[in-house]
C-alpha cells in the first residue's frame, strides 16, 4: 500500500486505491474507477479522510453507496482482493504437516495460520477474479442462490483461495473460535486438507499438556 495519507487529492486517492484493488480497477474500467474515487472523496470530505482508511473500508463503501451498491459483485471483488493483501502481509508462523500432527482418538484444539481468512460472497466474484487473472473476458455478474463460503490464505509466498462446503465451513469456524474438534471421518478429511494447504500452525489433544 502507498504511504500517501495526507493532503489527499483525487489523483492520489485513485492511485492508492489502484495499488490495493488492481483487479477491481481492471473490472470496473479506468473511468468508472475514477468516479469511485470522486464518490469516496465527496462522502468523506468533512472528515479529512486518510487514503489508508478509505482503502480499508472500500468493500463496505461499495455495498452502501449508489450506483456501486447496485452491482454487488464489486464489493465481493473488493473483499476478495482485500483478503489477498491481508494474507500476503500476515506474519509468519509454524506449519504442521501430516507427519507432525498429533493424530489419535479424541478431541483437538488447533491453531490456524494467521494468514487464514473466511469470506462469504453473494456473487460469482471468484469466477470474475479467475477470468481477470487469466487475462480473459469475465463472465456476466450474477447473484448466487446461496452465499459462497470461501477460504483465503497464504501458502508459501502466494495467496490462495478455495470454496468450502457447508460442513467444512462450520468445522473451520469452530476451530477459529478455539472450540474442540472431535476426530471422525469427516473432520479427519478436513484436517488432512488443511494440513496439505499449510494452514495449521499448532494442535493440542485435549488430554495433552502442551501444543505440538
N, C-alpha and C. Protein backbone atom coordinates (compact mmCIF):
# COMPACT_ATOMS: atom_id res chain seq x y z
N UNK A 1 0.82 -1.19 0.00
CA UNK A 1 0.00 0.00 0.00
C UNK A 1 0.86 1.25 0.00
N UNK A 2 0.38 2.28 -0.65
CA UNK A 2 1.10 3.54 -0.69
C UNK A 2 1.11 4.19 0.68
N UNK A 3 2.10 5.06 0.92
CA UNK A 3 2.19 5.76 2.20
C UNK A 3 1.45 7.08 2.18
N UNK A 4 0.83 7.42 1.05
CA UNK A 4 0.16 8.72 0.94
C UNK A 4 -1.09 8.73 1.79
N UNK A 5 -1.12 9.58 2.83
CA UNK A 5 -2.28 9.67 3.70
C UNK A 5 -2.72 11.11 3.92
N UNK A 6 -1.88 12.07 3.59
CA UNK A 6 -2.18 13.45 3.89
C UNK A 6 -2.34 14.24 2.58
N UNK A 7 -3.01 15.42 2.71
CA UNK A 7 -3.24 16.26 1.54
C UNK A 7 -3.85 15.45 0.40
N UNK A 8 -4.91 14.74 0.73
CA UNK A 8 -5.49 13.78 -0.20
C UNK A 8 -6.16 14.50 -1.36
N UNK A 9 -5.82 14.07 -2.57
CA UNK A 9 -6.46 14.57 -3.78
C UNK A 9 -7.04 13.37 -4.54
N UNK A 10 -7.86 13.67 -5.53
CA UNK A 10 -8.45 12.59 -6.32
C UNK A 10 -7.38 11.74 -6.98
N UNK A 11 -6.37 12.39 -7.56
CA UNK A 11 -5.32 11.64 -8.26
C UNK A 11 -4.58 10.72 -7.29
N UNK A 12 -4.27 11.25 -6.11
CA UNK A 12 -3.55 10.43 -5.13
C UNK A 12 -4.42 9.28 -4.62
N UNK A 13 -5.69 9.57 -4.38
CA UNK A 13 -6.57 8.53 -3.87
C UNK A 13 -6.76 7.41 -4.90
N UNK A 14 -7.02 7.77 -6.16
CA UNK A 14 -7.23 6.74 -7.16
C UNK A 14 -5.95 5.92 -7.39
N UNK A 15 -4.81 6.57 -7.30
CA UNK A 15 -3.55 5.83 -7.42
C UNK A 15 -3.39 4.85 -6.26
N UNK A 16 -3.71 5.32 -5.07
CA UNK A 16 -3.63 4.48 -3.88
C UNK A 16 -4.58 3.29 -3.99
N UNK A 17 -5.84 3.57 -4.34
CA UNK A 17 -6.82 2.50 -4.46
C UNK A 17 -6.46 1.53 -5.58
N UNK A 18 -5.89 2.04 -6.66
CA UNK A 18 -5.50 1.16 -7.76
C UNK A 18 -4.40 0.20 -7.34
N UNK A 19 -3.51 0.63 -6.45
CA UNK A 19 -2.48 -0.26 -5.93
C UNK A 19 -3.09 -1.39 -5.10
N UNK A 20 -4.11 -1.05 -4.32
CA UNK A 20 -4.72 -2.03 -3.43
C UNK A 20 -5.76 -2.90 -4.12
N UNK A 21 -6.39 -2.36 -5.16
CA UNK A 21 -7.51 -3.05 -5.81
C UNK A 21 -7.32 -3.07 -7.32
N UNK A 22 -6.22 -3.65 -7.74
CA UNK A 22 -5.88 -3.66 -9.17
C UNK A 22 -6.90 -4.45 -9.99
N UNK A 23 -7.35 -5.59 -9.48
CA UNK A 23 -8.34 -6.39 -10.22
C UNK A 23 -9.68 -5.66 -10.29
N UNK A 24 -10.07 -5.02 -9.21
CA UNK A 24 -11.32 -4.26 -9.21
C UNK A 24 -11.25 -3.14 -10.23
N UNK A 25 -10.13 -2.45 -10.30
CA UNK A 25 -9.97 -1.37 -11.28
C UNK A 25 -10.05 -1.92 -12.70
N UNK A 26 -9.42 -3.07 -12.93
CA UNK A 26 -9.45 -3.69 -14.25
C UNK A 26 -10.88 -4.04 -14.64
N UNK A 27 -11.64 -4.55 -13.69
CA UNK A 27 -13.02 -4.95 -13.96
C UNK A 27 -13.92 -3.74 -14.19
N UNK A 28 -13.75 -2.71 -13.38
CA UNK A 28 -14.61 -1.53 -13.49
C UNK A 28 -14.25 -0.66 -14.69
N UNK A 29 -13.00 -0.64 -15.08
CA UNK A 29 -12.54 0.28 -16.10
C UNK A 29 -12.06 1.57 -15.46
N UNK A 30 -11.14 2.25 -16.13
CA UNK A 30 -10.48 3.42 -15.54
C UNK A 30 -11.46 4.53 -15.21
N UNK A 31 -12.39 4.84 -16.11
CA UNK A 31 -13.28 5.98 -15.88
C UNK A 31 -14.23 5.72 -14.72
N UNK A 32 -14.77 4.52 -14.63
CA UNK A 32 -15.68 4.21 -13.52
C UNK A 32 -14.91 4.13 -12.20
N UNK A 33 -13.70 3.61 -12.25
CA UNK A 33 -12.87 3.55 -11.05
C UNK A 33 -12.54 4.96 -10.56
N UNK A 34 -12.25 5.86 -11.48
CA UNK A 34 -12.01 7.25 -11.09
C UNK A 34 -13.26 7.88 -10.49
N UNK A 35 -14.42 7.52 -11.03
CA UNK A 35 -15.67 8.01 -10.45
C UNK A 35 -15.85 7.49 -9.03
N UNK A 36 -15.41 6.27 -8.79
CA UNK A 36 -15.45 5.73 -7.43
C UNK A 36 -14.60 6.58 -6.49
N UNK A 37 -13.42 6.99 -6.95
CA UNK A 37 -12.59 7.85 -6.13
C UNK A 37 -13.27 9.17 -5.81
N UNK A 38 -13.96 9.74 -6.79
CA UNK A 38 -14.66 11.01 -6.55
C UNK A 38 -15.78 10.82 -5.52
N UNK A 39 -16.50 9.71 -5.61
CA UNK A 39 -17.56 9.44 -4.64
C UNK A 39 -16.97 9.29 -3.23
N UNK A 40 -15.83 8.63 -3.13
CA UNK A 40 -15.18 8.46 -1.82
C UNK A 40 -14.82 9.81 -1.22
N UNK A 41 -14.20 10.67 -2.01
CA UNK A 41 -13.81 11.98 -1.50
C UNK A 41 -15.02 12.81 -1.11
N UNK A 42 -16.07 12.74 -1.93
CA UNK A 42 -17.27 13.51 -1.62
C UNK A 42 -17.94 13.01 -0.35
N UNK A 43 -17.96 11.71 -0.15
CA UNK A 43 -18.64 11.14 1.01
C UNK A 43 -17.91 11.47 2.31
N UNK A 44 -16.59 11.59 2.24
CA UNK A 44 -15.81 11.78 3.47
C UNK A 44 -15.14 13.15 3.53
N UNK A 45 -15.59 14.08 2.71
CA UNK A 45 -14.92 15.38 2.61
C UNK A 45 -14.85 16.09 3.96
N UNK A 46 -15.88 15.96 4.77
CA UNK A 46 -15.92 16.68 6.04
C UNK A 46 -15.03 16.03 7.09
N UNK A 47 -14.67 14.79 6.86
CA UNK A 47 -13.97 14.02 7.90
C UNK A 47 -12.47 13.93 7.68
N UNK A 48 -11.93 14.74 6.76
CA UNK A 48 -10.49 14.73 6.48
C UNK A 48 -10.00 13.30 6.29
N UNK A 49 -10.43 12.62 5.22
CA UNK A 49 -10.15 11.19 5.08
C UNK A 49 -8.67 10.89 4.88
N UNK A 50 -8.29 9.73 5.28
CA UNK A 50 -6.97 9.19 5.00
C UNK A 50 -7.12 8.09 3.95
N UNK A 51 -6.18 8.03 3.02
CA UNK A 51 -6.28 7.05 1.94
C UNK A 51 -6.30 5.63 2.48
N UNK A 52 -5.51 5.38 3.51
CA UNK A 52 -5.45 4.02 4.07
C UNK A 52 -6.80 3.62 4.65
N UNK A 53 -7.46 4.55 5.32
CA UNK A 53 -8.77 4.25 5.91
C UNK A 53 -9.81 4.03 4.81
N UNK A 54 -9.78 4.85 3.78
CA UNK A 54 -10.73 4.67 2.68
C UNK A 54 -10.51 3.33 1.99
N UNK A 55 -9.26 2.95 1.81
CA UNK A 55 -8.97 1.67 1.18
C UNK A 55 -9.48 0.51 2.05
N UNK A 56 -9.26 0.61 3.34
CA UNK A 56 -9.66 -0.47 4.26
C UNK A 56 -11.17 -0.67 4.25
N UNK A 57 -11.92 0.42 4.11
CA UNK A 57 -13.37 0.33 4.18
C UNK A 57 -14.05 0.32 2.81
N UNK A 58 -13.26 0.19 1.76
CA UNK A 58 -13.84 0.27 0.41
C UNK A 58 -14.91 -0.79 0.16
N UNK A 59 -14.72 -2.06 0.56
CA UNK A 59 -15.80 -3.04 0.31
C UNK A 59 -17.13 -2.61 0.91
N UNK A 60 -17.13 -2.11 2.14
CA UNK A 60 -18.37 -1.65 2.76
C UNK A 60 -18.93 -0.43 2.03
N UNK A 61 -18.04 0.46 1.59
CA UNK A 61 -18.48 1.64 0.84
C UNK A 61 -19.21 1.22 -0.43
N UNK A 62 -18.67 0.24 -1.12
CA UNK A 62 -19.29 -0.23 -2.35
C UNK A 62 -20.65 -0.86 -2.09
N UNK A 63 -20.82 -1.44 -0.92
CA UNK A 63 -22.10 -2.05 -0.54
C UNK A 63 -23.17 -1.00 -0.26
N UNK A 64 -22.74 0.19 0.21
CA UNK A 64 -23.69 1.16 0.75
C UNK A 64 -24.03 2.31 -0.19
N UNK A 65 -23.13 2.62 -1.10
CA UNK A 65 -23.26 3.86 -1.88
C UNK A 65 -23.65 3.55 -3.32
N UNK A 66 -24.73 4.20 -3.77
CA UNK A 66 -25.15 4.08 -5.17
C UNK A 66 -24.25 4.94 -6.03
N UNK A 67 -23.99 4.55 -7.27
CA UNK A 67 -24.59 3.43 -8.01
C UNK A 67 -23.89 2.09 -7.78
N UNK A 68 -22.80 2.08 -7.02
CA UNK A 68 -21.97 0.88 -6.88
C UNK A 68 -22.70 -0.24 -6.14
N UNK A 69 -23.57 0.13 -5.22
CA UNK A 69 -24.30 -0.88 -4.45
C UNK A 69 -25.25 -1.69 -5.33
N UNK A 70 -25.58 -1.17 -6.51
CA UNK A 70 -26.44 -1.91 -7.43
C UNK A 70 -25.71 -3.07 -8.10
N UNK A 71 -24.40 -3.11 -7.96
CA UNK A 71 -23.57 -4.17 -8.56
C UNK A 71 -22.81 -4.88 -7.44
N UNK A 72 -23.43 -5.83 -6.74
CA UNK A 72 -22.81 -6.43 -5.55
C UNK A 72 -21.53 -7.18 -5.84
N UNK A 73 -21.28 -7.53 -7.11
CA UNK A 73 -20.01 -8.20 -7.40
C UNK A 73 -18.82 -7.28 -7.15
N UNK A 74 -19.05 -5.95 -7.17
CA UNK A 74 -17.95 -5.01 -6.92
C UNK A 74 -17.44 -5.13 -5.49
N UNK A 75 -18.33 -5.14 -4.52
CA UNK A 75 -17.89 -5.27 -3.13
C UNK A 75 -17.32 -6.66 -2.88
N UNK A 76 -17.87 -7.70 -3.54
CA UNK A 76 -17.30 -9.04 -3.38
C UNK A 76 -15.88 -9.10 -3.93
N UNK A 77 -15.66 -8.51 -5.10
CA UNK A 77 -14.30 -8.47 -5.65
C UNK A 77 -13.36 -7.72 -4.72
N UNK A 78 -13.83 -6.60 -4.18
CA UNK A 78 -13.00 -5.81 -3.27
C UNK A 78 -12.68 -6.61 -2.02
N UNK A 79 -13.64 -7.36 -1.48
CA UNK A 79 -13.38 -8.16 -0.28
C UNK A 79 -12.35 -9.26 -0.57
N UNK A 80 -12.47 -9.87 -1.74
CA UNK A 80 -11.52 -10.91 -2.11
C UNK A 80 -10.12 -10.33 -2.25
N UNK A 81 -10.02 -9.19 -2.91
CA UNK A 81 -8.70 -8.57 -3.12
C UNK A 81 -8.12 -8.08 -1.79
N UNK A 82 -8.95 -7.53 -0.94
CA UNK A 82 -8.50 -7.11 0.38
C UNK A 82 -8.00 -8.30 1.19
N UNK A 83 -8.68 -9.43 1.10
CA UNK A 83 -8.26 -10.63 1.81
C UNK A 83 -6.92 -11.14 1.30
N UNK A 84 -6.71 -11.04 -0.01
CA UNK A 84 -5.42 -11.45 -0.56
C UNK A 84 -4.28 -10.60 -0.01
N UNK A 85 -4.48 -9.29 0.06
CA UNK A 85 -3.45 -8.41 0.62
C UNK A 85 -3.19 -8.76 2.08
N UNK A 86 -4.25 -9.01 2.84
CA UNK A 86 -4.09 -9.35 4.25
C UNK A 86 -3.33 -10.66 4.40
N UNK A 87 -3.63 -11.63 3.54
CA UNK A 87 -2.92 -12.91 3.60
C UNK A 87 -1.43 -12.74 3.30
N UNK A 88 -1.12 -11.92 2.31
CA UNK A 88 0.28 -11.68 1.97
C UNK A 88 1.04 -10.99 3.09
N UNK A 89 0.36 -10.10 3.80
CA UNK A 89 1.02 -9.31 4.84
C UNK A 89 0.94 -9.93 6.23
N UNK A 90 0.28 -11.09 6.35
CA UNK A 90 0.16 -11.73 7.66
C UNK A 90 1.53 -12.21 8.14
N UNK A 91 1.74 -12.25 9.45
CA UNK A 91 3.03 -12.71 9.97
C UNK A 91 3.27 -14.18 9.69
N UNK A 92 4.53 -14.55 9.69
CA UNK A 92 4.89 -15.96 9.55
C UNK A 92 4.52 -16.72 10.83
N UNK A 93 4.34 -18.01 10.68
CA UNK A 93 4.01 -18.85 11.82
C UNK A 93 4.45 -20.28 11.49
N UNK A 94 4.64 -21.12 12.52
CA UNK A 94 4.97 -22.52 12.25
C UNK A 94 3.86 -23.19 11.44
N UNK A 95 4.21 -24.27 10.77
CA UNK A 95 3.26 -25.02 9.96
C UNK A 95 3.37 -26.49 10.31
N UNK A 96 2.25 -27.10 10.70
CA UNK A 96 2.23 -28.54 10.93
C UNK A 96 2.01 -29.27 9.61
N UNK A 97 2.55 -30.48 9.53
CA UNK A 97 2.36 -31.35 8.38
C UNK A 97 1.62 -32.60 8.82
N UNK A 98 1.32 -33.47 7.88
CA UNK A 98 0.63 -34.71 8.23
C UNK A 98 1.47 -35.58 9.17
N UNK A 99 2.80 -35.46 9.05
CA UNK A 99 3.66 -36.29 9.91
C UNK A 99 3.88 -35.66 11.28
N UNK A 100 3.71 -34.36 11.42
CA UNK A 100 3.93 -33.72 12.72
C UNK A 100 2.62 -33.46 13.48
N UNK A 101 1.48 -33.69 12.85
CA UNK A 101 0.21 -33.53 13.55
C UNK A 101 0.03 -34.68 14.54
N UNK A 102 -0.43 -34.38 15.76
CA UNK A 102 -0.55 -35.42 16.81
C UNK A 102 -1.81 -36.27 16.65
N UNK A 103 -1.82 -37.11 15.62
CA UNK A 103 -3.00 -37.91 15.33
C UNK A 103 -3.35 -38.82 16.51
N UNK A 104 -4.61 -39.16 16.62
CA UNK A 104 -5.09 -40.06 17.66
C UNK A 104 -6.57 -39.87 17.89
N UNK A 105 -7.13 -40.67 18.72
CA UNK A 105 -8.55 -40.56 19.05
C UNK A 105 -8.77 -39.39 20.00
N UNK A 106 -9.99 -38.87 20.01
CA UNK A 106 -10.33 -37.81 20.95
C UNK A 106 -10.56 -36.49 20.28
N UNK A 107 -10.49 -35.44 21.09
CA UNK A 107 -10.75 -34.08 20.62
C UNK A 107 -9.45 -33.28 20.56
N UNK A 108 -9.45 -32.30 19.65
CA UNK A 108 -8.26 -31.47 19.44
C UNK A 108 -8.67 -29.99 19.43
N UNK A 109 -7.76 -29.17 19.86
CA UNK A 109 -7.83 -27.74 19.58
C UNK A 109 -6.67 -27.43 18.65
N UNK A 110 -6.97 -26.67 17.59
CA UNK A 110 -5.93 -26.34 16.63
C UNK A 110 -5.78 -24.83 16.53
N UNK A 111 -4.58 -24.42 16.21
CA UNK A 111 -4.28 -23.01 15.98
C UNK A 111 -4.05 -22.82 14.50
N UNK A 112 -4.84 -21.96 13.89
CA UNK A 112 -4.76 -21.76 12.45
C UNK A 112 -3.73 -20.69 12.09
N UNK A 113 -3.18 -20.81 10.91
CA UNK A 113 -2.17 -19.85 10.44
C UNK A 113 -2.77 -18.45 10.40
N UNK A 114 -2.01 -17.42 10.80
CA UNK A 114 -2.56 -16.05 10.85
C UNK A 114 -2.99 -15.49 9.50
N UNK A 115 -2.55 -16.10 8.40
CA UNK A 115 -2.97 -15.59 7.09
C UNK A 115 -4.36 -16.08 6.70
N UNK A 116 -4.91 -17.05 7.43
CA UNK A 116 -6.19 -17.65 7.04
C UNK A 116 -7.35 -16.71 7.32
N UNK A 117 -8.25 -16.62 6.35
CA UNK A 117 -9.46 -15.80 6.49
C UNK A 117 -10.64 -16.53 5.87
N UNK A 118 -11.82 -16.17 6.35
CA UNK A 118 -13.06 -16.73 5.83
C UNK A 118 -13.89 -15.62 5.22
N UNK A 119 -14.42 -15.89 4.02
CA UNK A 119 -15.29 -14.93 3.35
C UNK A 119 -16.60 -15.60 2.97
N UNK A 120 -17.63 -14.79 2.90
CA UNK A 120 -18.90 -15.19 2.30
C UNK A 120 -19.19 -14.23 1.15
N UNK A 121 -19.30 -14.77 -0.05
CA UNK A 121 -19.57 -13.95 -1.23
C UNK A 121 -20.97 -14.24 -1.75
N UNK A 122 -21.64 -13.20 -2.23
CA UNK A 122 -23.03 -13.34 -2.70
C UNK A 122 -23.13 -13.48 -4.21
N UNK A 123 -21.99 -13.31 -4.89
CA UNK A 123 -22.00 -13.28 -6.35
C UNK A 123 -20.92 -14.23 -6.88
N UNK A 124 -20.83 -14.28 -8.21
CA UNK A 124 -19.81 -15.11 -8.86
C UNK A 124 -18.48 -14.36 -8.97
N UNK A 125 -18.12 -13.63 -7.94
CA UNK A 125 -16.89 -12.82 -7.96
C UNK A 125 -15.64 -13.68 -8.16
N UNK A 126 -15.65 -14.92 -7.65
CA UNK A 126 -14.46 -15.77 -7.83
C UNK A 126 -14.26 -16.12 -9.30
N UNK A 127 -15.34 -16.33 -10.03
CA UNK A 127 -15.23 -16.61 -11.47
C UNK A 127 -14.74 -15.37 -12.21
N UNK A 128 -15.23 -14.21 -11.79
CA UNK A 128 -14.77 -12.95 -12.40
C UNK A 128 -13.28 -12.76 -12.12
N UNK A 129 -12.88 -13.01 -10.87
CA UNK A 129 -11.47 -12.88 -10.48
C UNK A 129 -10.59 -13.81 -11.31
N UNK A 130 -11.01 -15.07 -11.44
CA UNK A 130 -10.21 -16.05 -12.18
C UNK A 130 -10.05 -15.63 -13.64
N UNK A 131 -11.11 -15.12 -14.25
CA UNK A 131 -11.03 -14.68 -15.64
C UNK A 131 -10.09 -13.48 -15.78
N UNK A 132 -10.20 -12.52 -14.88
CA UNK A 132 -9.31 -11.36 -14.93
C UNK A 132 -7.86 -11.78 -14.76
N UNK A 133 -7.61 -12.71 -13.85
CA UNK A 133 -6.25 -13.18 -13.61
C UNK A 133 -5.68 -13.87 -14.84
N UNK A 134 -6.54 -14.59 -15.57
CA UNK A 134 -6.10 -15.30 -16.77
C UNK A 134 -6.07 -14.42 -18.02
N UNK A 135 -6.44 -13.15 -17.85
CA UNK A 135 -6.48 -12.25 -18.99
C UNK A 135 -7.63 -12.53 -19.93
N UNK A 136 -8.72 -13.12 -19.40
CA UNK A 136 -9.88 -13.45 -20.20
C UNK A 136 -11.04 -12.51 -19.91
N UNK A 137 -12.02 -12.53 -20.78
CA UNK A 137 -13.21 -11.72 -20.57
C UNK A 137 -14.00 -12.30 -19.40
N UNK A 138 -14.31 -11.51 -18.38
CA UNK A 138 -15.03 -12.06 -17.22
C UNK A 138 -16.46 -12.41 -17.58
N UNK A 139 -17.02 -13.38 -16.90
CA UNK A 139 -18.42 -13.74 -17.15
C UNK A 139 -19.36 -12.65 -16.66
N UNK A 140 -20.59 -12.63 -17.13
CA UNK A 140 -21.56 -11.66 -16.62
C UNK A 140 -21.76 -11.85 -15.12
N UNK A 141 -21.90 -10.77 -14.37
CA UNK A 141 -22.11 -10.92 -12.92
C UNK A 141 -23.48 -11.52 -12.64
N UNK A 142 -23.54 -12.30 -11.57
CA UNK A 142 -24.83 -12.85 -11.16
C UNK A 142 -24.81 -13.11 -9.66
N UNK A 143 -25.97 -12.97 -9.06
CA UNK A 143 -26.14 -13.31 -7.65
C UNK A 143 -26.26 -14.82 -7.52
N UNK A 144 -25.69 -15.35 -6.45
CA UNK A 144 -25.78 -16.78 -6.18
C UNK A 144 -27.03 -17.09 -5.38
N UNK A 145 -27.53 -18.30 -5.54
CA UNK A 145 -28.72 -18.71 -4.79
C UNK A 145 -28.43 -18.77 -3.29
N UNK A 146 -27.21 -19.15 -2.94
CA UNK A 146 -26.77 -19.19 -1.55
C UNK A 146 -25.38 -18.57 -1.46
N UNK A 147 -25.03 -17.96 -0.32
CA UNK A 147 -23.69 -17.39 -0.18
C UNK A 147 -22.60 -18.45 -0.40
N UNK A 148 -21.54 -18.05 -1.04
CA UNK A 148 -20.41 -18.93 -1.31
C UNK A 148 -19.39 -18.81 -0.17
N UNK A 149 -19.15 -19.93 0.50
CA UNK A 149 -18.18 -19.96 1.60
C UNK A 149 -16.78 -20.08 1.00
N UNK A 150 -15.88 -19.24 1.46
CA UNK A 150 -14.56 -19.17 0.84
C UNK A 150 -13.47 -19.16 1.91
N UNK A 151 -12.38 -19.86 1.61
CA UNK A 151 -11.19 -19.85 2.45
C UNK A 151 -10.08 -19.13 1.69
N UNK A 152 -9.46 -18.15 2.34
CA UNK A 152 -8.34 -17.40 1.76
C UNK A 152 -7.15 -17.55 2.69
N UNK A 153 -5.98 -17.82 2.13
CA UNK A 153 -4.78 -17.98 2.96
C UNK A 153 -3.52 -17.79 2.11
N UNK A 154 -2.38 -17.81 2.77
CA UNK A 154 -1.10 -17.74 2.09
C UNK A 154 -0.40 -19.08 2.22
N UNK A 155 -0.02 -19.63 1.09
CA UNK A 155 0.75 -20.89 1.10
C UNK A 155 2.10 -20.59 0.49
N UNK A 156 3.14 -20.70 1.29
CA UNK A 156 4.44 -20.23 0.85
C UNK A 156 4.42 -18.72 0.74
N UNK A 157 4.62 -18.21 -0.45
CA UNK A 157 4.58 -16.76 -0.67
C UNK A 157 3.39 -16.34 -1.52
N UNK A 158 2.48 -17.27 -1.77
CA UNK A 158 1.38 -16.99 -2.69
C UNK A 158 0.03 -17.00 -1.97
N UNK A 159 -0.81 -15.97 -2.20
CA UNK A 159 -2.17 -16.02 -1.66
C UNK A 159 -3.01 -16.99 -2.47
N UNK A 160 -3.89 -17.69 -1.79
CA UNK A 160 -4.74 -18.68 -2.45
C UNK A 160 -6.16 -18.58 -1.92
N UNK A 161 -7.09 -19.16 -2.66
CA UNK A 161 -8.45 -19.28 -2.14
C UNK A 161 -9.07 -20.56 -2.69
N UNK A 162 -10.04 -21.07 -1.97
CA UNK A 162 -10.83 -22.19 -2.46
C UNK A 162 -12.20 -22.16 -1.80
N UNK A 163 -13.15 -22.81 -2.45
CA UNK A 163 -14.50 -22.88 -1.90
C UNK A 163 -14.56 -23.92 -0.79
N UNK A 164 -15.47 -23.67 0.15
CA UNK A 164 -15.70 -24.59 1.26
C UNK A 164 -17.11 -25.13 1.19
N UNK A 165 -17.25 -26.43 1.48
CA UNK A 165 -18.58 -26.97 1.69
C UNK A 165 -19.11 -26.49 3.04
N UNK A 166 -20.43 -26.58 3.20
CA UNK A 166 -21.05 -26.05 4.42
C UNK A 166 -20.51 -26.72 5.67
N UNK A 167 -20.39 -28.05 5.66
CA UNK A 167 -19.93 -28.76 6.85
C UNK A 167 -18.48 -28.40 7.19
N UNK A 168 -17.64 -28.30 6.17
CA UNK A 168 -16.25 -27.91 6.41
C UNK A 168 -16.18 -26.49 6.94
N UNK A 169 -17.00 -25.58 6.41
CA UNK A 169 -17.01 -24.20 6.88
C UNK A 169 -17.39 -24.13 8.36
N UNK A 170 -18.39 -24.92 8.77
CA UNK A 170 -18.81 -24.94 10.17
C UNK A 170 -17.68 -25.44 11.06
N UNK A 171 -17.01 -26.51 10.64
CA UNK A 171 -15.90 -27.06 11.42
C UNK A 171 -14.74 -26.07 11.51
N UNK A 172 -14.45 -25.39 10.42
CA UNK A 172 -13.37 -24.41 10.42
C UNK A 172 -13.71 -23.23 11.33
N UNK A 173 -14.95 -22.78 11.29
CA UNK A 173 -15.36 -21.68 12.15
C UNK A 173 -15.26 -22.07 13.63
N UNK A 174 -15.60 -23.30 13.93
CA UNK A 174 -15.48 -23.78 15.31
C UNK A 174 -14.01 -23.78 15.74
N UNK A 175 -13.13 -24.21 14.86
CA UNK A 175 -11.70 -24.18 15.17
C UNK A 175 -11.20 -22.76 15.36
N UNK A 176 -11.69 -21.83 14.54
CA UNK A 176 -11.29 -20.43 14.66
C UNK A 176 -11.69 -19.86 16.00
N UNK A 177 -12.83 -20.27 16.52
CA UNK A 177 -13.30 -19.79 17.83
C UNK A 177 -12.58 -20.47 18.99
N UNK A 178 -11.69 -21.41 18.70
CA UNK A 178 -10.99 -22.11 19.76
C UNK A 178 -11.72 -23.32 20.28
N UNK A 179 -12.76 -23.74 19.57
CA UNK A 179 -13.53 -24.89 20.00
C UNK A 179 -12.79 -26.20 19.73
N UNK A 180 -13.21 -27.23 20.41
CA UNK A 180 -12.59 -28.55 20.25
C UNK A 180 -13.19 -29.26 19.04
N UNK A 181 -12.34 -29.94 18.29
CA UNK A 181 -12.76 -30.72 17.13
C UNK A 181 -12.58 -32.19 17.46
N UNK A 182 -13.67 -32.94 17.36
CA UNK A 182 -13.60 -34.37 17.60
C UNK A 182 -13.30 -35.08 16.29
N UNK A 183 -12.34 -35.99 16.34
CA UNK A 183 -11.91 -36.66 15.12
C UNK A 183 -12.92 -37.73 14.73
N UNK A 184 -13.53 -37.53 13.56
CA UNK A 184 -14.32 -38.57 12.92
C UNK A 184 -13.92 -38.58 11.44
N UNK A 185 -14.61 -39.35 10.63
CA UNK A 185 -14.19 -39.46 9.24
C UNK A 185 -14.21 -38.12 8.52
N UNK A 186 -15.28 -37.32 8.74
CA UNK A 186 -15.38 -36.04 8.06
C UNK A 186 -14.31 -35.06 8.54
N UNK A 187 -14.19 -34.91 9.87
CA UNK A 187 -13.23 -33.94 10.40
C UNK A 187 -11.79 -34.36 10.08
N UNK A 188 -11.52 -35.65 10.03
CA UNK A 188 -10.17 -36.09 9.66
C UNK A 188 -9.85 -35.71 8.22
N UNK A 189 -10.83 -35.84 7.34
CA UNK A 189 -10.62 -35.42 5.95
C UNK A 189 -10.38 -33.91 5.87
N UNK A 190 -11.13 -33.13 6.66
CA UNK A 190 -10.91 -31.69 6.68
C UNK A 190 -9.49 -31.38 7.16
N UNK A 191 -9.10 -32.03 8.26
CA UNK A 191 -7.78 -31.77 8.83
C UNK A 191 -6.68 -32.09 7.83
N UNK A 192 -6.82 -33.20 7.13
CA UNK A 192 -5.79 -33.57 6.15
C UNK A 192 -5.71 -32.53 5.04
N UNK A 193 -6.85 -32.01 4.64
CA UNK A 193 -6.85 -30.96 3.62
C UNK A 193 -6.21 -29.68 4.12
N UNK A 194 -6.47 -29.31 5.38
CA UNK A 194 -5.89 -28.10 5.95
C UNK A 194 -4.39 -28.25 6.13
N UNK A 195 -3.95 -29.46 6.51
CA UNK A 195 -2.52 -29.70 6.63
C UNK A 195 -1.84 -29.62 5.27
N UNK A 196 -2.50 -30.15 4.25
CA UNK A 196 -1.95 -30.08 2.90
C UNK A 196 -1.84 -28.63 2.43
N UNK A 197 -2.82 -27.82 2.84
CA UNK A 197 -2.81 -26.40 2.45
C UNK A 197 -1.88 -25.57 3.33
N UNK A 198 -1.35 -26.15 4.40
CA UNK A 198 -0.42 -25.48 5.32
C UNK A 198 -1.09 -24.34 6.07
N UNK A 199 -2.26 -24.62 6.65
CA UNK A 199 -2.97 -23.58 7.40
C UNK A 199 -3.10 -23.91 8.89
N UNK A 200 -2.48 -24.98 9.35
CA UNK A 200 -2.50 -25.31 10.78
C UNK A 200 -1.11 -25.04 11.36
N UNK A 201 -1.07 -24.20 12.38
CA UNK A 201 0.21 -23.83 12.99
C UNK A 201 0.52 -24.65 14.24
N UNK A 202 -0.50 -25.10 14.96
CA UNK A 202 -0.29 -25.88 16.17
C UNK A 202 -1.55 -26.69 16.45
N UNK A 203 -1.38 -27.78 17.18
CA UNK A 203 -2.52 -28.62 17.56
C UNK A 203 -2.25 -29.23 18.92
N UNK A 204 -3.32 -29.37 19.70
CA UNK A 204 -3.18 -29.95 21.03
C UNK A 204 -4.33 -30.90 21.28
N UNK A 205 -3.99 -32.14 21.61
CA UNK A 205 -5.03 -33.06 22.05
C UNK A 205 -5.52 -32.63 23.42
N UNK A 206 -6.79 -32.85 23.66
CA UNK A 206 -7.37 -32.36 24.91
C UNK A 206 -6.77 -33.00 26.14
N UNK A 207 -6.18 -34.19 25.99
CA UNK A 207 -5.52 -34.85 27.11
C UNK A 207 -4.01 -34.60 27.12
N UNK A 208 -3.55 -33.74 26.18
CA UNK A 208 -2.12 -33.42 26.14
C UNK A 208 -1.86 -32.19 26.98
N UNK A 209 -0.61 -31.98 27.32
CA UNK A 209 -0.25 -30.87 28.21
C UNK A 209 0.33 -29.68 27.47
N UNK A 210 0.71 -29.85 26.22
CA UNK A 210 1.32 -28.74 25.51
C UNK A 210 1.07 -28.89 24.01
N UNK A 211 1.11 -27.75 23.25
CA UNK A 211 0.93 -27.81 21.81
C UNK A 211 2.06 -28.58 21.15
N UNK A 212 1.78 -29.21 20.04
CA UNK A 212 2.80 -29.92 19.28
C UNK A 212 3.05 -29.22 17.95
